[in-house]
Amino acid sequence: MFDAIIVGGRCAGAATALLLARKGFKVLVVDRGRFPADVPQGHFIRRQAPMQLKRWGVLDDIVRSGCPPVTRMTTDFGDFPLTGTNLERDGVALGYGPRRRSLDAILIEAATAAGAEFRDGFSVDDYLIDGDTITGIRGRSSGAHATERAHITVGADGRNSFLARTVRAPMYEKIPPLTCWYFSYWSGSALDGLEMYLRDRNVIFAFPTNDGLAAVFIAWEVSEFSRVRQNIEANFMKVLRLVPDLEQRIRSGRREERFYGTADLPTFFRKPYGPGWALVGDAGHHKDPFLALGISDALRDAELLASAINDGLSGRQRLVDALADYEQKRDWAAMEFHQENLDRARFRPVPEDLLVIRAAVRGNQEETNTFYMAQQGLIPPEKFFNPDNLQRLRASAGAGATRLEPADWPPRAPETAEPLEARQ
């Protein structure tokens, strides 16, 4: 009998297992894949997640895997390139872009070192149900069948979660796919930071990753998917030509892998708990990858869920109440960038306030760095986005500039922590 069974050993599941095992719980993690292995998904980590990884003692392992810290960031919304440098705090960089084969392996190794049991190549065939309560799993590995039971079973098995389908977890804030993406990896390209370029109805992201490679991602409106896939490379390079400097650097190297892509990118929240079960990561909340929030949100939610399970199984709180708190905290945190992510994925105009701020800090490296540090969560936002500073920026931008108010940028989570469905 396990305290917790976690179905899915990628970043959300492995992180949840790591934190529970370190609390002394008996944890089993199963995954149908064989580790280490890549998954064709975005993999840039930013905001609170790098500091979490440092706190968990695994960030150094990620760097040692050959993943360079990203301390330089350039964004261009069609106005001009704005570059921040030396973007780090307490030895933790703005972001990291480890390949998933490295990140997931490091996290699951840390979980097993803490005492969790891991079985890869294990397919879950069914869930054990007693009345309306999930009590465990039934599955197989290399032809051998196994049945395992636990006090709680966690689905960390992605947006098409088998556990979520089994328990018919309700969805809310559901929005169909807005964008489609293709990406690949190049060697021999001069890329030493995160770069983002918005060009009409396309966006380009590029960052360094393991093995000295440059990862380049491009998005189109989802309606373009069938056209783009007819000649992926030609359409990819056509968009890249909209940024000549980046195109030249990428063309100077060599593409090392095939193109990966998808249009299956819905946005939704699922109710993340019920009798004997919980959901974490993309299984519970999936979103368009425009703001590169997927892994960061997964690690944040893993910590929230592990804390709730700890409170419930230790007797400090009824498990159902602890999991209800988890849902509220997850939804409240996710809402901070929910609408902005949707607006960007719809290719709506960049907020005028943001353009004014960019113009005001342009040419001043110290202010540019502080702007990025506050925007990306490396320092408290109010250190840059405060009334006095915004008024000064407005004045420096000229009398005709749009108003700048602290509430306008960056986006903030709602004041209430009530569940999203209560706000519909």
Protein backbone atom coordinates (compact mmCIF):
# COMPACT_ATOMS: atom_id res chain seq x y z
CA MET A 1 0.00 0.00 0.00
CA PHE A 2 1.41 3.34 -1.06
CA ASP A 3 0.60 6.74 0.32
CA ALA A 4 0.55 8.15 -3.22
CA ILE A 5 0.70 6.71 -6.71
CA ILE A 6 1.66 9.21 -9.41
CA VAL A 7 0.82 8.35 -13.00
CA GLY A 8 3.27 10.22 -15.21
CA GLY A 9 6.95 10.70 -14.41
CA ARG A 10 7.65 13.88 -16.36
CA CYS A 11 8.27 17.24 -14.72
CA ALA A 12 4.95 17.66 -12.87
CA GLY A 13 4.76 14.07 -11.65
CA ALA A 14 8.46 13.76 -10.82
CA ALA A 15 8.43 17.03 -8.87
CA THR A 16 5.36 15.98 -6.90
CA ALA A 17 6.98 12.64 -6.11
CA LEU A 18 10.24 14.31 -5.08
CA LEU A 19 8.52 16.62 -2.61
CA LEU A 20 6.30 13.91 -1.13
CA ALA A 21 9.15 11.42 -0.79
CA ARG A 22 11.22 14.02 1.03
CA LYS A 23 8.34 14.34 3.50
CA GLY A 24 8.66 10.63 4.21
CA PHE A 25 5.67 9.36 2.25
CA LYS A 26 5.72 6.06 0.39
CA VAL A 27 5.42 7.05 -3.26
CA LEU A 28 5.17 5.08 -6.50
CA VAL A 29 5.67 6.79 -9.87
CA VAL A 30 4.76 5.00 -13.10
CA ASP A 31 5.23 6.16 -16.68
CA ARG A 32 4.52 4.34 -19.91
CA GLY A 33 7.66 5.80 -21.54
CA ARG A 34 11.22 4.67 -21.10
CA PHE A 35 13.58 7.18 -19.48
CA PRO A 36 15.51 9.19 -20.47
CA ALA A 37 13.57 10.34 -23.53
CA ASP A 38 12.53 13.60 -25.11
CA VAL A 39 8.99 14.79 -25.63
CA PRO A 40 8.18 17.18 -28.52
CA GLN A 41 7.13 20.15 -26.40
CA GLY A 42 8.43 23.56 -25.42
CA HIS A 43 10.93 23.50 -22.60
CA PHE A 44 11.89 26.98 -21.44
CA ILE A 45 11.71 27.47 -17.66
CA ARG A 46 11.26 30.92 -16.16
CA ARG A 47 9.52 33.03 -13.49
CA GLN A 48 9.47 31.28 -10.07
CA ALA A 49 10.55 27.88 -11.39
CA PRO A 50 14.37 28.38 -11.52
CA MET A 51 14.34 29.43 -7.86
CA GLN A 52 12.20 26.39 -7.02
CA LEU A 53 14.69 24.12 -8.75
CA LYS A 54 17.51 25.71 -6.78
CA ARG A 55 15.58 25.28 -3.54
CA TRP A 56 15.02 21.61 -4.37
CA GLY A 57 18.75 21.15 -4.97
CA VAL A 58 18.54 20.17 -8.67
CA LEU A 59 19.37 23.40 -10.52
CA ASP A 60 23.11 22.70 -10.50
CA ASP A 61 22.41 19.28 -12.04
CA ILE A 62 20.48 20.97 -14.85
CA VAL A 63 23.41 23.28 -15.60
CA ARG A 64 25.86 20.36 -15.41
CA SER A 65 23.74 18.54 -18.00
CA GLY A 66 24.95 21.11 -20.53
CA CYS A 67 22.01 23.52 -20.29
CA PRO A 68 23.35 27.11 -20.19
CA PRO A 69 21.80 29.68 -17.84
CA VAL A 70 19.97 32.40 -19.76
CA THR A 71 20.83 35.84 -18.39
CA ARG A 72 20.20 37.84 -21.56
CA MET A 73 16.79 38.57 -23.07
CA THR A 74 15.78 40.37 -26.26
CA THR A 75 12.21 41.16 -27.22
CA ASP A 76 10.96 42.94 -30.34
CA PHE A 77 7.25 43.61 -30.80
CA GLY A 78 7.75 45.18 -34.19
CA ASP A 79 8.95 48.38 -32.51
CA PHE A 80 12.65 47.69 -31.87
CA PRO A 81 14.83 45.04 -30.20
CA LEU A 82 15.19 45.69 -26.46
CA THR A 83 17.91 43.68 -24.74
CA GLY A 84 18.34 43.07 -21.03
CA THR A 85 21.67 41.75 -19.72
CA ASN A 86 22.95 40.18 -16.50
CA LEU A 87 19.43 39.07 -15.64
CA GLU A 88 20.03 36.94 -12.57
CA ARG A 89 19.46 37.05 -8.84
CA ASP A 90 21.29 35.17 -6.08
CA GLY A 91 23.07 33.07 -8.68
CA VAL A 92 19.82 32.06 -10.39
CA ALA A 93 19.37 33.12 -14.01
CA LEU A 94 16.27 34.53 -15.66
CA GLY A 95 15.62 31.16 -17.24
CA TYR A 96 16.88 27.79 -18.44
CA GLY A 97 15.92 25.73 -21.49
CA PRO A 98 16.90 22.11 -20.72
CA ARG A 99 15.82 19.36 -23.10
CA ARG A 100 13.08 17.30 -21.51
CA ARG A 101 15.18 14.15 -21.54
CA SER A 102 17.57 15.95 -19.16
CA LEU A 103 15.07 17.81 -16.98
CA ASP A 104 12.70 14.89 -16.44
CA ALA A 105 15.54 12.45 -15.75
CA ILE A 106 17.11 14.80 -13.20
CA LEU A 107 13.83 15.26 -11.36
CA ILE A 108 12.94 11.56 -11.31
CA GLU A 109 16.46 10.66 -10.14
CA ALA A 110 16.09 13.15 -7.30
CA ALA A 111 12.70 11.61 -6.44
CA THR A 112 14.11 8.08 -6.31
CA ALA A 113 17.08 9.31 -4.28
CA ALA A 114 14.52 10.64 -1.79
CA GLY A 115 12.89 7.21 -1.58
CA ALA A 116 10.23 7.16 -4.30
CA GLU A 117 9.85 4.03 -6.41
CA PHE A 118 9.85 4.55 -10.18
CA ARG A 119 8.66 2.12 -12.85
CA ASP A 120 9.08 3.29 -16.43
CA GLY A 121 7.66 1.34 -19.34
CA PHE A 122 4.54 0.81 -17.20
CA SER A 123 1.13 1.22 -18.85
CA VAL A 124 -1.91 1.87 -16.69
CA ASP A 125 -4.80 -0.24 -18.02
CA ASP A 126 -7.41 0.75 -15.48
CA TYR A 127 -8.04 2.48 -12.18
CA LEU A 128 -9.30 0.69 -9.09
CA ILE A 129 -12.56 2.21 -7.90
CA ASP A 130 -14.42 1.57 -4.65
CA GLY A 131 -17.79 3.29 -4.93
CA ASP A 132 -16.80 6.73 -6.20
CA THR A 133 -13.26 6.63 -4.77
CA ILE A 134 -10.09 5.90 -6.74
CA THR A 135 -8.06 3.43 -4.73
CA GLY A 136 -5.19 2.53 -7.05
CA ILE A 137 -4.11 1.31 -10.47
CA ARG A 138 -3.98 -1.84 -12.52
CA GLY A 139 -1.34 -2.05 -15.25
CA ARG A 140 1.51 -3.91 -16.89
CA SER A 141 5.18 -3.66 -17.67
CA SER A 142 6.99 -5.96 -20.13
CA GLY A 143 3.98 -8.26 -20.11
CA ALA A 144 3.87 -8.58 -16.32
CA HIS A 145 0.65 -7.36 -14.71
CA ALA A 146 0.52 -5.49 -11.41
CA THR A 147 -2.11 -4.01 -9.14
CA GLU A 148 -1.14 -1.26 -6.67
CA ARG A 149 -3.18 0.67 -4.14
CA ALA A 150 -2.72 4.06 -2.52
CA HIS A 151 -4.44 6.62 -0.34
CA ILE A 152 -4.34 9.05 -3.28
CA THR A 153 -3.66 8.60 -6.99
CA VAL A 154 -2.30 11.59 -8.91
CA GLY A 155 -2.71 12.06 -12.65
CA ALA A 156 0.36 13.79 -14.08
CA ASP A 157 -0.29 12.27 -17.48
CA GLY A 158 -0.74 15.31 -19.68
CA ARG A 159 -3.60 17.17 -21.31
CA ASN A 160 -5.22 13.91 -22.49
CA SER A 161 -5.05 12.43 -18.99
CA PHE A 162 -6.51 8.92 -18.69
CA LEU A 163 -7.23 9.55 -15.01
CA ALA A 164 -9.11 12.78 -15.82
CA ARG A 165 -11.22 10.92 -18.37
CA THR A 166 -11.86 8.05 -15.96
CA VAL A 167 -13.20 10.32 -13.20
CA ARG A 168 -14.84 12.67 -15.72
CA ALA A 169 -13.11 15.67 -14.21
CA PRO A 170 -15.15 18.76 -15.14
CA MET A 171 -13.52 21.37 -17.39
CA TYR A 172 -13.92 25.12 -17.12
CA GLU A 173 -12.44 28.18 -18.85
CA LYS A 174 -12.20 25.96 -21.93
CA ILE A 175 -10.94 27.64 -25.11
CA PRO A 176 -10.12 25.84 -28.38
CA PRO A 177 -6.60 26.01 -29.86
CA LEU A 178 -5.52 29.47 -30.96
CA THR A 179 -2.06 28.84 -32.41
CA CYS A 180 -0.01 26.11 -34.04
CA TRP A 181 3.74 25.69 -33.59
CA TYR A 182 6.77 24.13 -35.23
CA PHE A 183 10.29 23.98 -33.85
CA SER A 184 13.68 22.38 -34.27
CA TYR A 185 17.33 22.61 -33.19
CA TRP A 186 20.42 24.06 -34.85
CA SER A 187 24.12 23.66 -34.09
CA GLY A 188 26.75 26.29 -34.87
CA SER A 189 24.39 29.23 -34.37
CA ALA A 190 25.40 32.25 -32.26
CA LEU A 191 22.66 32.36 -29.64
CA ASP A 192 23.45 33.33 -26.06
CA GLY A 193 20.06 34.35 -24.67
CA LEU A 194 16.29 34.22 -25.00
CA GLU A 195 15.02 36.07 -28.06
CA MET A 196 11.39 36.80 -28.96
CA TYR A 197 10.15 38.54 -32.09
CA LEU A 198 6.54 39.39 -32.83
CA ARG A 199 5.82 39.87 -36.52
CA ASP A 200 2.17 40.53 -37.41
CA ARG A 201 0.52 37.07 -37.06
CA ASN A 202 3.68 35.15 -36.14
CA VAL A 203 5.96 34.94 -33.16
CA ILE A 204 9.50 33.56 -33.04
CA PHE A 205 11.21 32.26 -29.90
CA ALA A 206 14.85 31.18 -29.76
CA PHE A 207 17.07 30.13 -26.86
CA PRO A 208 20.17 28.01 -26.16
CA THR A 209 19.73 24.47 -24.88
CA ASN A 210 21.76 21.31 -24.21
CA ASP A 211 24.61 20.13 -26.44
CA GLY A 212 25.34 23.64 -27.72
CA LEU A 213 22.12 23.72 -29.73
CA ALA A 214 19.82 26.63 -30.46
CA ALA A 215 16.11 25.89 -30.11
CA VAL A 216 13.88 27.89 -32.46
CA PHE A 217 10.08 27.91 -32.15
CA ILE A 218 7.62 29.65 -34.49
CA ALA A 219 3.86 30.09 -34.05
CA TRP A 220 1.10 30.82 -36.55
CA GLU A 221 -2.63 31.26 -36.08
CA VAL A 222 -4.18 27.81 -35.78
CA SER A 223 -6.08 28.33 -39.05
CA GLU A 224 -2.70 28.25 -40.82
CA PHE A 225 -1.79 24.75 -39.66
CA SER A 226 -2.87 22.82 -42.76
CA ARG A 227 -1.03 25.27 -45.02
CA VAL A 228 2.16 25.34 -42.97
CA ARG A 229 2.43 21.59 -42.69
CA GLN A 230 2.41 21.18 -46.48
CA ASN A 231 5.99 22.52 -46.57
CA ILE A 232 7.18 23.01 -43.02
CA GLU A 233 10.76 24.03 -43.73
CA ALA A 234 9.88 26.57 -46.42
CA ASN A 235 7.17 28.15 -44.27
CA PHE A 236 9.40 28.13 -41.21
CA MET A 237 12.28 29.86 -42.98
CA LYS A 238 9.91 32.35 -44.61
CA VAL A 239 8.88 33.59 -41.18
CA LEU A 240 12.48 33.54 -39.96
CA ARG A 241 13.41 35.90 -42.81
CA LEU A 242 11.28 38.55 -41.09
CA VAL A 243 14.16 38.87 -38.59
CA PRO A 244 17.24 39.02 -40.86
CA ASP A 245 19.84 39.03 -38.08
CA LEU A 246 18.40 35.92 -36.42
CA GLU A 247 17.88 34.22 -39.78
CA GLN A 248 21.55 34.78 -40.67
CA ARG A 249 22.72 33.30 -37.38
CA ILE A 250 20.48 30.26 -37.73
CA ARG A 251 21.39 29.70 -41.40
CA SER A 252 25.07 29.84 -40.47
CA GLY A 253 24.54 26.65 -38.46
CA ARG A 254 23.03 23.28 -39.27
CA ARG A 255 19.66 21.85 -38.38
CA GLU A 256 20.30 18.72 -36.30
CA GLU A 257 16.78 17.32 -35.89
CA ARG A 258 13.50 17.13 -37.74
CA PHE A 259 10.78 19.70 -37.27
CA TYR A 260 8.30 19.02 -34.47
CA GLY A 261 4.89 20.63 -34.34
CA THR A 262 1.28 20.56 -33.24
CA ALA A 263 -1.99 22.44 -33.32
CA ASP A 264 -3.49 20.45 -30.42
CA LEU A 265 -3.09 23.24 -27.88
CA PRO A 266 -6.39 23.95 -26.14
CA THR A 267 -6.66 26.06 -23.03
CA PHE A 268 -8.61 24.65 -20.10
CA PHE A 269 -8.79 24.13 -16.38
CA ARG A 270 -9.96 20.81 -14.96
CA LYS A 271 -11.28 20.31 -11.47
CA PRO A 272 -8.07 18.86 -10.03
CA TYR A 273 -9.31 16.63 -7.25
CA GLY A 274 -11.99 14.23 -6.09
CA PRO A 275 -12.34 11.16 -3.87
CA GLY A 276 -8.95 9.46 -3.88
CA TRP A 277 -7.51 11.39 -6.84
CA ALA A 278 -5.83 14.61 -7.93
CA LEU A 279 -4.46 16.14 -11.13
CA VAL A 280 -1.29 18.17 -11.65
CA GLY A 281 0.51 19.79 -14.57
CA ASP A 282 -1.12 19.75 -18.01
CA ALA A 283 -3.61 17.15 -16.79
CA GLY A 284 -5.21 19.82 -14.61
CA HIS A 285 -4.45 23.03 -16.47
CA HIS A 286 -3.26 23.34 -20.05
CA LYS A 287 -2.68 26.51 -22.00
CA ASP A 288 -1.31 27.89 -25.24
CA PRO A 289 2.51 27.98 -25.03
CA PHE A 290 2.81 31.62 -26.12
CA LEU A 291 4.17 32.91 -22.79
CA ALA A 292 6.18 29.72 -22.11
CA LEU A 293 4.40 29.05 -18.82
CA GLY A 294 3.85 25.27 -19.07
CA ILE A 295 6.80 23.88 -17.11
CA SER A 296 6.91 26.80 -14.68
CA ASP A 297 3.22 26.31 -13.88
CA ALA A 298 3.69 22.54 -13.59
CA LEU A 299 6.48 22.94 -11.01
CA ARG A 300 4.51 25.55 -9.08
CA ASP A 301 1.43 23.31 -8.99
CA ALA A 302 3.47 20.27 -8.01
CA GLU A 303 4.59 22.14 -4.92
CA LEU A 304 1.04 23.25 -4.14
CA LEU A 305 -0.31 19.72 -4.55
CA ALA A 306 2.48 18.08 -2.54
CA SER A 307 1.79 20.53 0.29
CA ALA A 308 -1.93 19.74 0.17
CA ILE A 309 -1.36 15.97 0.18
CA ASN A 310 1.08 16.36 3.05
CA ASP A 311 -1.50 18.30 5.06
CA GLY A 312 -4.22 15.77 4.25
CA LEU A 313 -2.30 12.55 4.87
CA SER A 314 -0.57 13.86 7.99
CA GLY A 315 -3.90 14.70 9.59
CA ARG A 316 -3.36 18.45 9.85
CA GLN A 317 -6.38 18.95 7.60
CA ARG A 318 -9.04 16.80 6.01
CA LEU A 319 -7.62 15.65 2.68
CA VAL A 320 -10.68 16.88 0.76
CA ASP A 321 -10.31 20.35 2.32
CA ALA A 322 -6.58 20.44 1.60
CA LEU A 323 -7.21 19.54 -2.04
CA ALA A 324 -9.94 22.18 -2.32
CA ASP A 325 -7.38 24.72 -1.11
CA TYR A 326 -4.98 23.40 -3.76
CA GLU A 327 -7.53 24.10 -6.48
CA GLN A 328 -8.12 27.65 -5.27
CA LYS A 329 -4.41 28.42 -4.99
CA ARG A 330 -3.67 26.90 -8.39
CA ASP A 331 -6.44 28.84 -10.12
CA TRP A 332 -5.56 32.10 -8.39
CA ALA A 333 -1.90 31.76 -9.39
CA ALA A 334 -2.71 30.70 -12.96
CA MET A 335 -5.00 33.68 -13.48
CA GLU A 336 -2.10 36.12 -13.14
CA PHE A 337 -1.13 35.56 -16.78
CA HIS A 338 -4.18 33.71 -18.09
CA GLN A 339 -5.76 36.62 -19.98
CA GLU A 340 -2.45 38.01 -21.20
CA ASN A 341 -1.52 34.61 -22.61
CA LEU A 342 -4.85 34.40 -24.44
CA ASP A 343 -4.48 37.93 -25.81
CA ARG A 344 -0.98 37.19 -27.11
CA ALA A 345 -2.10 33.87 -28.63
CA ARG A 346 -4.87 35.74 -30.44
CA PHE A 347 -2.22 38.13 -31.76
CA ARG A 348 -4.04 41.09 -30.27
CA PRO A 349 -2.14 44.40 -30.23
CA VAL A 350 0.58 44.75 -27.63
CA PRO A 351 -0.69 47.00 -24.79
CA GLU A 352 0.19 50.62 -25.46
CA ASP A 353 1.44 51.03 -21.90
CA LEU A 354 4.03 48.33 -22.47
CA LEU A 355 5.24 49.99 -25.68
CA VAL A 356 5.59 53.30 -23.83
CA ILE A 357 7.64 51.66 -21.09
CA ARG A 358 9.91 50.03 -23.64
CA ALA A 359 10.48 53.32 -25.43
CA ALA A 360 11.19 55.08 -22.13
CA VAL A 361 13.89 52.63 -20.98
CA ARG A 362 15.49 52.23 -24.40
CA GLY A 363 19.13 53.31 -24.35
CA ASN A 364 19.42 52.97 -20.57
CA GLN A 365 20.82 49.52 -19.81
CA GLU A 366 20.31 49.73 -16.06
CA GLU A 367 16.64 50.67 -16.41
CA THR A 368 16.15 48.08 -19.13
CA ASN A 369 17.58 45.40 -16.85
CA THR A 370 15.37 46.50 -13.95
CA PHE A 371 12.32 46.44 -16.25
CA TYR A 372 13.03 42.86 -17.32
CA MET A 373 13.91 41.75 -13.79
CA ALA A 374 10.56 43.06 -12.49
CA GLN A 375 8.56 41.80 -15.47
CA GLN A 376 10.06 38.29 -15.25
CA GLY A 377 9.69 37.95 -11.49
CA LEU A 378 13.36 38.16 -10.51
CA ILE A 379 12.60 41.13 -8.26
CA PRO A 380 9.30 42.35 -6.78
CA PRO A 381 7.29 44.04 -9.57
CA GLU A 382 6.74 47.15 -7.48
CA LYS A 383 10.45 47.94 -7.61
CA PHE A 384 9.87 49.03 -11.20
CA PHE A 385 6.09 49.19 -11.63
CA ASN A 386 5.37 51.75 -8.92
CA PRO A 387 3.48 55.06 -9.31
CA ASP A 388 6.50 57.33 -9.02
CA ASN A 389 8.59 55.39 -11.52
CA LEU A 390 5.75 55.03 -14.01
CA GLN A 391 5.03 58.75 -13.79
CA ARG A 392 8.71 59.48 -14.44
CA LEU A 393 8.68 57.14 -17.44
CA ARG A 394 5.57 58.83 -18.80
CA ALA A 395 7.22 62.20 -18.53
CA SER A 396 10.37 60.97 -20.24
CA ALA A 397 8.29 59.44 -23.04
CA GLY A 398 6.68 62.84 -23.76
CA ALA A 399 3.47 64.59 -22.95
CA GLY A 400 1.59 62.69 -25.67
CA ALA A 401 2.32 59.31 -24.14
CA THR A 402 -0.51 57.13 -22.91
CA ARG A 403 -1.19 57.07 -19.20
CA LEU A 404 0.80 54.61 -17.09
CA GLU A 405 -0.81 53.18 -13.98
CA PRO A 406 0.61 50.49 -11.64
CA ALA A 407 -2.42 48.28 -12.32
CA ASP A 408 -1.90 48.33 -16.08
CA TRP A 409 1.37 46.40 -16.27
CA PRO A 410 2.40 43.74 -15.45
CA PRO A 411 -0.85 41.75 -15.18
CA ARG A 412 -1.84 40.65 -11.73
CA ALA A 413 -3.85 37.81 -10.28
CA PRO A 414 -7.37 38.67 -9.10
CA GLU A 415 -7.76 39.87 -5.54
CA THR A 416 -10.08 37.00 -4.66
CA ALA A 417 -9.00 33.38 -4.35
CA GLU A 418 -12.42 31.94 -5.12
CA PRO A 419 -12.52 29.16 -7.72
CA LEU A 420 -12.82 30.17 -11.36
CA GLU A 421 -16.15 28.44 -11.85
CA ALA A 422 -17.63 30.71 -9.17
CA ARG A 423 -16.62 33.73 -11.26
CA GLN A 424 -18.25 32.57 -14.49
